[in-house]
Amino acid sequence: MIEIRFDYENEVQSGNDTVLIWTMRVRHKKVKGGDWIVSHGNSYIRFDPKTQKAIYHRDYFDMGEFLYENIPVVGGIVRYIRKKAAQK
């Protein structure tokens, strides 16, 4: 990993639960020649009401967008499938 950045775009709260909407940017020397890879996702975090510390955390993002589309040959296949699925 050369570099990673997160841009937080929105936050939704309900009681002790929070969802953060983000865009992740990653550079890795072995993927896309070190160019930026962009992936969109969100994090679901639950907080303990007494301590306000995070007691649960899970990230959700599109692995195809993040990795598979950026691997030679596999990336072309994934982009083709995504394009065909969007047409239906």
N, C-alpha and C. Protein backbone atom coordinates (compact mmCIF):
# COMPACT_ATOMS: atom_id res chain seq x y z
N MET A 1 0.85 -1.17 0.00
CA MET A 1 0.00 0.00 0.00
C MET A 1 0.90 1.24 0.00
N ILE A 2 0.63 2.10 -0.97
CA ILE A 2 1.35 3.37 -1.04
C ILE A 2 0.64 4.43 -0.21
N GLU A 3 -0.68 4.49 -0.40
CA GLU A 3 -1.46 5.55 0.26
C GLU A 3 -2.93 5.17 0.28
N ILE A 4 -3.63 5.61 1.30
CA ILE A 4 -5.08 5.40 1.39
C ILE A 4 -5.72 6.67 1.97
N ARG A 5 -6.87 7.03 1.43
CA ARG A 5 -7.61 8.22 1.89
C ARG A 5 -9.09 7.89 1.95
N PHE A 6 -9.77 8.48 2.91
CA PHE A 6 -11.22 8.35 3.02
C PHE A 6 -11.83 9.75 3.02
N ASP A 7 -12.84 9.94 2.19
CA ASP A 7 -13.61 11.17 2.19
C ASP A 7 -14.99 10.81 2.72
N TYR A 8 -15.35 11.38 3.87
CA TYR A 8 -16.65 11.10 4.48
C TYR A 8 -17.66 12.08 3.93
N GLU A 9 -18.73 11.54 3.34
CA GLU A 9 -19.67 12.37 2.62
C GLU A 9 -20.98 12.61 3.35
N ASN A 10 -21.36 11.67 4.23
CA ASN A 10 -22.62 11.84 4.92
C ASN A 10 -22.62 10.96 6.17
N GLU A 11 -23.46 11.31 7.11
CA GLU A 11 -23.61 10.55 8.35
C GLU A 11 -25.09 10.47 8.69
N VAL A 12 -25.53 9.26 9.03
CA VAL A 12 -26.92 9.05 9.42
C VAL A 12 -26.93 8.43 10.81
N GLN A 13 -27.64 9.04 11.74
CA GLN A 13 -27.69 8.53 13.12
C GLN A 13 -29.12 8.18 13.49
N SER A 14 -29.23 7.09 14.24
CA SER A 14 -30.51 6.69 14.80
C SER A 14 -30.22 6.00 16.12
N GLY A 15 -30.56 6.65 17.21
CA GLY A 15 -30.26 6.09 18.53
C GLY A 15 -28.77 5.90 18.71
N ASN A 16 -28.36 4.66 18.98
CA ASN A 16 -26.94 4.35 19.20
C ASN A 16 -26.25 3.87 17.92
N ASP A 17 -26.95 3.92 16.80
CA ASP A 17 -26.40 3.44 15.53
C ASP A 17 -26.04 4.61 14.63
N THR A 18 -24.91 4.46 13.94
CA THR A 18 -24.44 5.47 12.99
C THR A 18 -24.01 4.78 11.71
N VAL A 19 -24.36 5.37 10.58
CA VAL A 19 -23.87 4.92 9.28
C VAL A 19 -23.10 6.07 8.67
N LEU A 20 -21.85 5.80 8.29
CA LEU A 20 -21.01 6.78 7.62
C LEU A 20 -20.91 6.40 6.15
N ILE A 21 -21.18 7.35 5.27
CA ILE A 21 -21.06 7.14 3.83
C ILE A 21 -19.71 7.72 3.41
N TRP A 22 -18.92 6.93 2.67
CA TRP A 22 -17.57 7.37 2.33
C TRP A 22 -17.14 6.94 0.94
N THR A 23 -16.07 7.61 0.48
CA THR A 23 -15.35 7.22 -0.73
C THR A 23 -13.93 6.93 -0.30
N MET A 24 -13.44 5.75 -0.69
CA MET A 24 -12.08 5.34 -0.35
C MET A 24 -11.22 5.46 -1.60
N ARG A 25 -10.04 6.02 -1.43
CA ARG A 25 -9.06 6.11 -2.50
C ARG A 25 -7.79 5.41 -2.04
N VAL A 26 -7.32 4.49 -2.87
CA VAL A 26 -6.17 3.66 -2.50
C VAL A 26 -5.17 3.65 -3.64
N ARG A 27 -3.90 3.68 -3.29
CA ARG A 27 -2.83 3.47 -4.27
C ARG A 27 -2.00 2.28 -3.78
N HIS A 28 -1.78 1.33 -4.69
CA HIS A 28 -0.98 0.15 -4.37
C HIS A 28 0.00 -0.08 -5.52
N LYS A 29 1.23 -0.37 -5.19
CA LYS A 29 2.26 -0.47 -6.24
C LYS A 29 2.00 -1.60 -7.23
N LYS A 30 1.24 -2.62 -6.85
CA LYS A 30 1.01 -3.76 -7.74
C LYS A 30 -0.34 -3.73 -8.45
N VAL A 31 -1.14 -2.69 -8.22
CA VAL A 31 -2.45 -2.59 -8.86
C VAL A 31 -2.51 -1.27 -9.62
N LYS A 32 -2.85 -1.34 -10.90
CA LYS A 32 -2.97 -0.17 -11.78
C LYS A 32 -1.71 0.68 -11.80
N GLY A 33 -0.55 0.05 -11.62
CA GLY A 33 0.71 0.79 -11.68
C GLY A 33 0.84 1.87 -10.63
N GLY A 34 0.15 1.73 -9.51
CA GLY A 34 0.22 2.72 -8.45
C GLY A 34 -0.77 3.86 -8.58
N ASP A 35 -1.62 3.81 -9.64
CA ASP A 35 -2.64 4.85 -9.80
C ASP A 35 -3.74 4.67 -8.75
N TRP A 36 -4.54 5.71 -8.58
CA TRP A 36 -5.62 5.68 -7.59
C TRP A 36 -6.72 4.71 -8.00
N ILE A 37 -7.21 3.96 -7.03
CA ILE A 37 -8.39 3.12 -7.16
C ILE A 37 -9.45 3.77 -6.28
N VAL A 38 -10.65 3.95 -6.81
CA VAL A 38 -11.72 4.61 -6.06
C VAL A 38 -12.85 3.61 -5.81
N SER A 39 -13.31 3.55 -4.56
CA SER A 39 -14.40 2.67 -4.19
C SER A 39 -15.34 3.40 -3.23
N HIS A 40 -16.63 3.17 -3.41
CA HIS A 40 -17.63 3.81 -2.55
C HIS A 40 -18.15 2.79 -1.55
N GLY A 41 -18.46 3.25 -0.36
CA GLY A 41 -18.97 2.33 0.64
C GLY A 41 -19.54 3.04 1.84
N ASN A 42 -19.82 2.25 2.88
CA ASN A 42 -20.32 2.82 4.12
C ASN A 42 -19.90 1.95 5.30
N SER A 43 -19.91 2.56 6.46
CA SER A 43 -19.59 1.87 7.71
C SER A 43 -20.78 1.95 8.65
N TYR A 44 -21.12 0.82 9.23
CA TYR A 44 -22.18 0.77 10.23
C TYR A 44 -21.51 0.60 11.59
N ILE A 45 -21.80 1.51 12.50
CA ILE A 45 -21.17 1.49 13.82
C ILE A 45 -22.26 1.58 14.88
N ARG A 46 -22.19 0.72 15.87
CA ARG A 46 -23.11 0.76 17.01
C ARG A 46 -22.29 1.16 18.24
N PHE A 47 -22.83 2.10 19.02
CA PHE A 47 -22.16 2.61 20.21
C PHE A 47 -22.85 2.13 21.47
N ASP A 48 -22.07 1.85 22.49
CA ASP A 48 -22.60 1.52 23.82
C ASP A 48 -23.22 2.79 24.39
N PRO A 49 -24.49 2.75 24.80
CA PRO A 49 -25.14 3.98 25.28
C PRO A 49 -24.52 4.54 26.57
N LYS A 50 -23.90 3.69 27.37
CA LYS A 50 -23.30 4.16 28.63
C LYS A 50 -21.93 4.77 28.42
N THR A 51 -21.06 4.09 27.66
CA THR A 51 -19.68 4.55 27.50
C THR A 51 -19.45 5.36 26.23
N GLN A 52 -20.40 5.30 25.29
CA GLN A 52 -20.28 5.96 23.98
C GLN A 52 -19.09 5.44 23.17
N LYS A 53 -18.61 4.23 23.51
CA LYS A 53 -17.54 3.58 22.75
C LYS A 53 -18.18 2.66 21.72
N ALA A 54 -17.50 2.52 20.57
CA ALA A 54 -17.99 1.63 19.52
C ALA A 54 -17.94 0.19 20.02
N ILE A 55 -19.07 -0.53 19.88
CA ILE A 55 -19.11 -1.93 20.29
C ILE A 55 -19.31 -2.86 19.09
N TYR A 56 -19.59 -2.27 17.91
CA TYR A 56 -19.76 -3.06 16.70
C TYR A 56 -19.43 -2.17 15.51
N HIS A 57 -18.72 -2.75 14.53
CA HIS A 57 -18.35 -1.98 13.35
C HIS A 57 -18.26 -2.93 12.16
N ARG A 58 -18.92 -2.56 11.05
CA ARG A 58 -18.83 -3.35 9.83
C ARG A 58 -18.83 -2.40 8.64
N ASP A 59 -17.91 -2.68 7.68
CA ASP A 59 -17.83 -1.89 6.45
C ASP A 59 -18.48 -2.65 5.30
N TYR A 60 -19.12 -1.90 4.42
CA TYR A 60 -19.75 -2.46 3.23
C TYR A 60 -19.25 -1.69 2.01
N PHE A 61 -18.75 -2.43 1.01
CA PHE A 61 -18.33 -1.79 -0.23
C PHE A 61 -18.35 -2.81 -1.36
N ASP A 62 -18.27 -2.33 -2.57
CA ASP A 62 -18.34 -3.16 -3.77
C ASP A 62 -16.93 -3.67 -4.10
N MET A 63 -16.67 -4.95 -3.84
CA MET A 63 -15.34 -5.51 -4.08
C MET A 63 -15.01 -5.50 -5.58
N GLY A 64 -16.04 -5.61 -6.43
CA GLY A 64 -15.81 -5.52 -7.87
C GLY A 64 -15.25 -4.17 -8.26
N GLU A 65 -15.87 -3.13 -7.75
CA GLU A 65 -15.40 -1.77 -8.03
C GLU A 65 -14.00 -1.55 -7.47
N PHE A 66 -13.76 -2.06 -6.29
CA PHE A 66 -12.50 -1.83 -5.58
C PHE A 66 -11.34 -2.62 -6.17
N LEU A 67 -11.53 -3.91 -6.40
CA LEU A 67 -10.39 -4.75 -6.79
C LEU A 67 -10.56 -5.41 -8.15
N TYR A 68 -11.64 -6.15 -8.32
CA TYR A 68 -11.77 -6.98 -9.52
C TYR A 68 -11.73 -6.18 -10.81
N GLU A 69 -12.30 -4.98 -10.84
CA GLU A 69 -12.27 -4.16 -12.06
C GLU A 69 -10.87 -3.65 -12.37
N ASN A 70 -9.95 -3.77 -11.44
CA ASN A 70 -8.61 -3.24 -11.62
C ASN A 70 -7.55 -4.31 -11.86
N ILE A 71 -7.99 -5.55 -12.08
CA ILE A 71 -7.08 -6.64 -12.39
C ILE A 71 -7.17 -6.90 -13.89
N PRO A 72 -6.03 -6.96 -14.59
CA PRO A 72 -6.09 -7.22 -16.03
C PRO A 72 -6.91 -8.48 -16.34
N VAL A 73 -7.58 -8.49 -17.45
CA VAL A 73 -8.48 -9.54 -17.96
C VAL A 73 -9.73 -9.64 -17.09
N VAL A 74 -9.58 -9.92 -15.81
CA VAL A 74 -10.74 -10.03 -14.90
C VAL A 74 -11.51 -8.71 -14.89
N GLY A 75 -10.79 -7.60 -14.87
CA GLY A 75 -11.43 -6.29 -14.84
C GLY A 75 -12.33 -6.06 -16.04
N GLY A 76 -11.86 -6.46 -17.22
CA GLY A 76 -12.67 -6.31 -18.42
C GLY A 76 -13.95 -7.12 -18.35
N ILE A 77 -13.85 -8.33 -17.83
CA ILE A 77 -15.02 -9.19 -17.70
C ILE A 77 -16.02 -8.60 -16.71
N VAL A 78 -15.53 -8.13 -15.58
CA VAL A 78 -16.41 -7.54 -14.56
C VAL A 78 -17.09 -6.29 -15.10
N ARG A 79 -16.34 -5.44 -15.79
CA ARG A 79 -16.95 -4.22 -16.37
C ARG A 79 -18.00 -4.57 -17.41
N TYR A 80 -17.75 -5.58 -18.22
CA TYR A 80 -18.71 -6.03 -19.22
C TYR A 80 -20.01 -6.51 -18.56
N ILE A 81 -19.87 -7.35 -17.52
CA ILE A 81 -21.04 -7.86 -16.80
C ILE A 81 -21.82 -6.72 -16.16
N ARG A 82 -21.09 -5.78 -15.53
CA ARG A 82 -21.75 -4.64 -14.88
C ARG A 82 -22.52 -3.81 -15.92
N LYS A 83 -21.93 -3.60 -17.09
CA LYS A 83 -22.58 -2.82 -18.14
C LYS A 83 -23.85 -3.54 -18.62
N LYS A 84 -23.76 -4.84 -18.85
CA LYS A 84 -24.92 -5.61 -19.32
C LYS A 84 -26.03 -5.62 -18.27
N ALA A 85 -25.67 -5.76 -17.02
CA ALA A 85 -26.67 -5.79 -15.94
C ALA A 85 -27.37 -4.43 -15.83
N ALA A 86 -26.65 -3.35 -16.08
CA ALA A 86 -27.25 -2.01 -15.98
C ALA A 86 -28.24 -1.75 -17.11
N GLN A 87 -28.10 -2.46 -18.22
CA GLN A 87 -28.98 -2.26 -19.37
C GLN A 87 -30.33 -2.92 -19.17
N LYS A 88 -30.45 -3.84 -18.25
CA LYS A 88 -31.71 -4.57 -18.07
C LYS A 88 -32.65 -3.89 -17.12
